[in-house]
Structures are given as C-alpha cells and as structure tokens.
C-alpha cells in the first residue's frame, strides 16, 4: 500500500500561480511531446484521490478524460459530480485515514494523491508514503504552495533524480518511518 504525490512545482515551491493558473507548466519547450514519465507512473497506481479544485481544473481542459483508473474527488462543498463526468469520478467526503482504509479494502492499494489542499491534508495526517516532485526552472513569487504547516517534521529518503527535457528536475522520495 502506498499514497503517492506526483506533482510539479516552481523553483519556489508553488503548484499554481497567484491567479490559480498552471499555464507556467508549459514554460519548458517539449517539441517531441515527451510525457516525462507520466504514463509509467499511471501504470503503477490503482486510483486517484484529488481535491475539488484540481478536479474542476482537469474538467476544464479540452482533452479526453486523462485517467485510466478510478478517481475520487474530496469535497465538502460539491453535492454531485456534473453529469458529463459522473462516470469518471466519485465524490467522497470523509476523514482521510478512513478514506484510505476504505479504498484499500476495495483493493485500491496504490493511491495517487493530487491537489494542493489534498496533498497538504494527507501530509498533515502523515499519510504520504512517496513524493515525486518535478521542479520547473521558474520562480513564481507567490501562488498556491505545495506544502503546508506540519505538526512535526517528516523524514524522506532519496530514491532517484533525473533531468527532464534538459531543464526540469524530477526527484523521487520515500517516507522514512520510525522503527
């Protein structure tokens, strides 16, 4: 079982700019359309847990539904998933550890955790097992931070780092838990 964050940030640690935009994610030229390991990552997960804002952002893209696995949308404000996406995602609202236990019981063992507040909530509950963070060479100077306040530090061990497209740095870390 593992809860994994796979996300891109600016050099200063933001996942969206001060207007909530993620357009800066396209600031590195990618003429060959390299997916930078995305398909390989998706092949390793069983389900996605994302926040409402991230879900609404994905729904706004003019693309086919990008996820081949079940998607669970955490929200206390949505009452239902729009009809167009009702067969693509399930709305959930519960305490995070209970949600993970429920999904694991359903056979969904490797969960991709996505969205700023969702990642922060999982981090605060000490429910993240792996971090895969790709840093783009841009300083936004403000916006939505990846990390929030924690009650105590969390230790991670470095698994590997690779340079993508000659400009981005993707680093993989695994949570080190006490013996």
Protein backbone atom coordinates (compact mmCIF):
# COMPACT_ATOMS: atom_id res chain seq x y z
CA UNK A 1 0.00 0.00 0.00
CA UNK A 2 1.26 3.48 -0.82
CA UNK A 3 -0.07 7.00 -1.08
CA UNK A 4 1.97 8.85 -3.67
CA UNK A 5 2.23 12.52 -4.60
CA UNK A 6 3.29 13.13 -8.23
CA UNK A 7 3.36 16.85 -8.91
CA UNK A 8 5.22 19.73 -10.50
CA UNK A 9 6.31 22.88 -8.70
CA UNK A 10 8.08 26.12 -9.46
CA UNK A 11 11.57 26.59 -8.02
CA UNK A 12 9.97 28.45 -5.14
CA UNK A 13 7.58 25.58 -4.36
CA UNK A 14 4.29 26.74 -5.87
CA UNK A 15 1.89 24.46 -7.78
CA UNK A 16 -0.25 27.29 -9.20
CA UNK A 17 0.46 30.99 -9.66
CA UNK A 18 -1.23 33.77 -7.69
CA UNK A 19 -4.18 33.69 -10.15
CA UNK A 20 -4.61 29.92 -9.75
CA UNK A 21 -3.20 29.32 -13.23
CA UNK A 22 -0.97 26.40 -14.15
CA UNK A 23 -0.11 27.71 -17.62
CA UNK A 24 3.51 28.09 -16.50
CA UNK A 25 3.75 24.26 -16.56
CA UNK A 26 4.20 24.67 -20.33
CA UNK A 27 7.15 27.06 -19.99
CA UNK A 28 9.71 24.36 -20.88
CA UNK A 29 9.79 23.57 -24.60
CA UNK A 30 8.72 19.99 -25.36
CA UNK A 31 8.72 19.71 -29.16
CA UNK A 32 8.54 15.89 -29.14
CA UNK A 33 5.64 15.72 -26.67
CA UNK A 34 7.62 13.67 -24.12
CA UNK A 35 5.31 12.67 -21.25
CA UNK A 36 8.27 12.83 -18.84
CA UNK A 37 7.32 9.53 -17.16
CA UNK A 38 3.60 10.23 -16.71
CA UNK A 39 2.37 7.05 -18.44
CA UNK A 40 4.80 4.93 -16.46
CA UNK A 41 3.61 6.50 -13.24
CA UNK A 42 -0.07 6.00 -14.09
CA UNK A 43 0.62 2.32 -14.82
CA UNK A 44 1.74 1.90 -11.18
CA UNK A 45 -1.35 3.30 -9.46
CA UNK A 46 -4.78 1.87 -8.67
CA UNK A 47 -6.77 5.08 -8.07
CA UNK A 48 -6.53 8.85 -7.72
CA UNK A 49 -7.68 10.96 -4.80
CA UNK A 50 -7.89 14.64 -5.74
CA UNK A 51 -9.40 17.78 -4.38
CA UNK A 52 -12.33 19.65 -5.85
CA UNK A 53 -10.24 22.48 -7.30
CA UNK A 54 -7.92 20.05 -9.09
CA UNK A 55 -10.89 18.07 -10.36
CA UNK A 56 -12.57 21.20 -11.70
CA UNK A 57 -9.29 22.23 -13.36
CA UNK A 58 -8.97 18.84 -15.08
CA UNK A 59 -12.60 19.03 -16.19
CA UNK A 60 -11.91 22.42 -17.80
CA UNK A 61 -9.21 21.03 -20.11
CA UNK A 62 -10.24 20.50 -23.71
CA UNK A 63 -8.96 16.90 -23.75
CA UNK A 64 -10.25 13.37 -23.39
CA UNK A 65 -10.50 12.15 -19.80
CA UNK A 66 -6.83 11.54 -18.87
CA UNK A 67 -7.17 8.88 -16.18
CA UNK A 68 -7.42 5.12 -16.74
CA UNK A 69 -8.13 4.41 -13.05
CA UNK A 70 -10.93 5.34 -10.62
CA UNK A 71 -10.91 8.97 -9.47
CA UNK A 72 -12.19 10.04 -6.05
CA UNK A 73 -12.90 13.73 -5.54
CA UNK A 74 -12.61 15.05 -2.00
CA UNK A 75 -15.08 17.83 -1.38
CA UNK A 76 -17.26 19.19 1.39
CA UNK A 77 -18.89 21.71 -0.94
CA UNK A 78 -19.89 19.69 -4.02
CA UNK A 79 -23.14 17.79 -3.78
CA UNK A 80 -22.68 15.85 -7.01
CA UNK A 81 -20.34 15.33 -9.96
CA UNK A 82 -21.54 17.05 -13.15
CA UNK A 83 -23.33 14.59 -15.47
CA UNK A 84 -20.57 14.79 -18.10
CA UNK A 85 -18.08 13.38 -15.57
CA UNK A 86 -20.40 11.24 -13.40
CA UNK A 87 -18.99 8.01 -14.86
CA UNK A 88 -15.40 9.29 -14.46
CA UNK A 89 -15.24 10.22 -10.79
CA UNK A 90 -16.84 9.56 -7.43
CA UNK A 91 -17.45 12.24 -4.83
CA UNK A 92 -16.12 11.44 -1.34
CA UNK A 93 -16.07 13.27 1.96
CA UNK A 94 -14.54 11.59 4.95
CA UNK A 95 -11.65 11.63 7.37
CA UNK A 96 -8.53 10.88 5.31
CA UNK A 97 -7.30 7.79 7.17
CA UNK A 98 -10.80 6.28 6.96
CA UNK A 99 -10.95 7.06 3.25
CA UNK A 100 -7.60 5.37 2.64
CA UNK A 101 -8.71 2.33 4.64
CA UNK A 102 -11.96 2.12 2.66
CA UNK A 103 -10.17 2.37 -0.68
CA UNK A 104 -7.54 -0.16 0.39
CA UNK A 105 -10.33 -2.52 1.46
CA UNK A 106 -11.77 -2.14 -2.07
CA UNK A 107 -8.44 -3.40 -3.44
CA UNK A 108 -7.09 0.04 -4.34
CA UNK A 109 -3.64 -0.17 -2.77
CA UNK A 110 -1.55 2.44 -4.62
CA UNK A 111 -3.21 5.84 -4.45
CA UNK A 112 -2.12 8.94 -6.35
CA UNK A 113 -2.81 11.97 -4.16
CA UNK A 114 -3.28 15.18 -6.17
CA UNK A 115 -4.16 18.80 -5.48
CA UNK A 116 -2.64 21.35 -3.15
CA UNK A 117 -5.02 21.23 -0.20
CA UNK A 118 -5.44 17.48 -0.60
CA UNK A 119 -1.69 16.88 -0.54
CA UNK A 120 -1.37 19.19 2.47
CA UNK A 121 -4.14 17.33 4.29
CA UNK A 122 -2.57 13.94 3.60
CA UNK A 123 0.84 15.28 4.69
CA UNK A 124 -0.62 16.71 7.91
CA UNK A 125 -2.23 13.31 8.63
CA UNK A 126 1.14 11.62 7.89
CA UNK A 127 -0.44 9.57 5.11
CA UNK A 128 2.07 10.21 2.29
CA UNK A 129 4.48 7.39 1.52
CA UNK A 130 6.20 8.75 -1.60
CA UNK A 131 6.81 12.15 -3.17
CA UNK A 132 7.67 12.56 -6.84
CA UNK A 133 8.28 16.26 -7.40
CA UNK A 134 9.28 17.82 -10.70
CA UNK A 135 10.73 21.32 -10.37
CA UNK A 136 10.45 23.66 -13.32
CA UNK A 137 13.01 26.44 -13.78
CA UNK A 138 10.64 29.29 -12.99
CA UNK A 139 10.14 31.41 -9.88
CA UNK A 140 6.51 32.44 -9.49
CA UNK A 141 6.95 34.64 -6.44
CA UNK A 142 3.61 33.59 -4.99
CA UNK A 143 0.63 31.35 -5.51
CA UNK A 144 -0.53 28.03 -4.10
CA UNK A 145 2.25 26.32 -2.14
CA UNK A 146 2.76 22.59 -2.37
CA UNK A 147 3.44 22.16 1.32
CA UNK A 148 1.63 23.49 4.37
CA UNK A 149 2.32 23.51 8.07
CA UNK A 150 3.10 20.20 9.78
CA UNK A 151 2.92 19.41 13.49
CA UNK A 152 6.35 17.78 13.22
CA UNK A 153 8.97 17.15 10.53
CA UNK A 154 8.66 14.15 8.22
CA UNK A 155 11.78 12.37 7.01
CA UNK A 156 12.10 11.09 3.43
CA UNK A 157 14.89 9.15 1.73
CA UNK A 158 16.01 10.00 -1.78
CA UNK A 159 15.20 7.28 -4.34
CA UNK A 160 16.38 8.94 -7.55
CA UNK A 161 16.58 12.17 -9.50
CA UNK A 162 16.52 12.76 -13.23
CA UNK A 163 16.75 15.76 -15.51
CA UNK A 164 13.87 16.04 -17.97
CA UNK A 165 13.97 17.95 -21.26
CA UNK A 166 17.32 19.41 -20.22
CA UNK A 167 15.54 21.81 -17.86
CA UNK A 168 13.30 20.17 -15.25
CA UNK A 169 14.43 18.08 -12.29
CA UNK A 170 12.25 15.18 -11.14
CA UNK A 171 13.09 13.75 -7.71
CA UNK A 172 11.53 10.72 -6.05
CA UNK A 173 11.49 10.36 -2.26
CA UNK A 174 10.17 7.62 0.04
CA UNK A 175 8.88 8.23 3.59
CA UNK A 176 11.10 7.01 6.39
CA UNK A 177 9.01 5.96 9.37
CA UNK A 178 10.24 5.28 12.91
CA UNK A 179 11.33 1.77 13.81
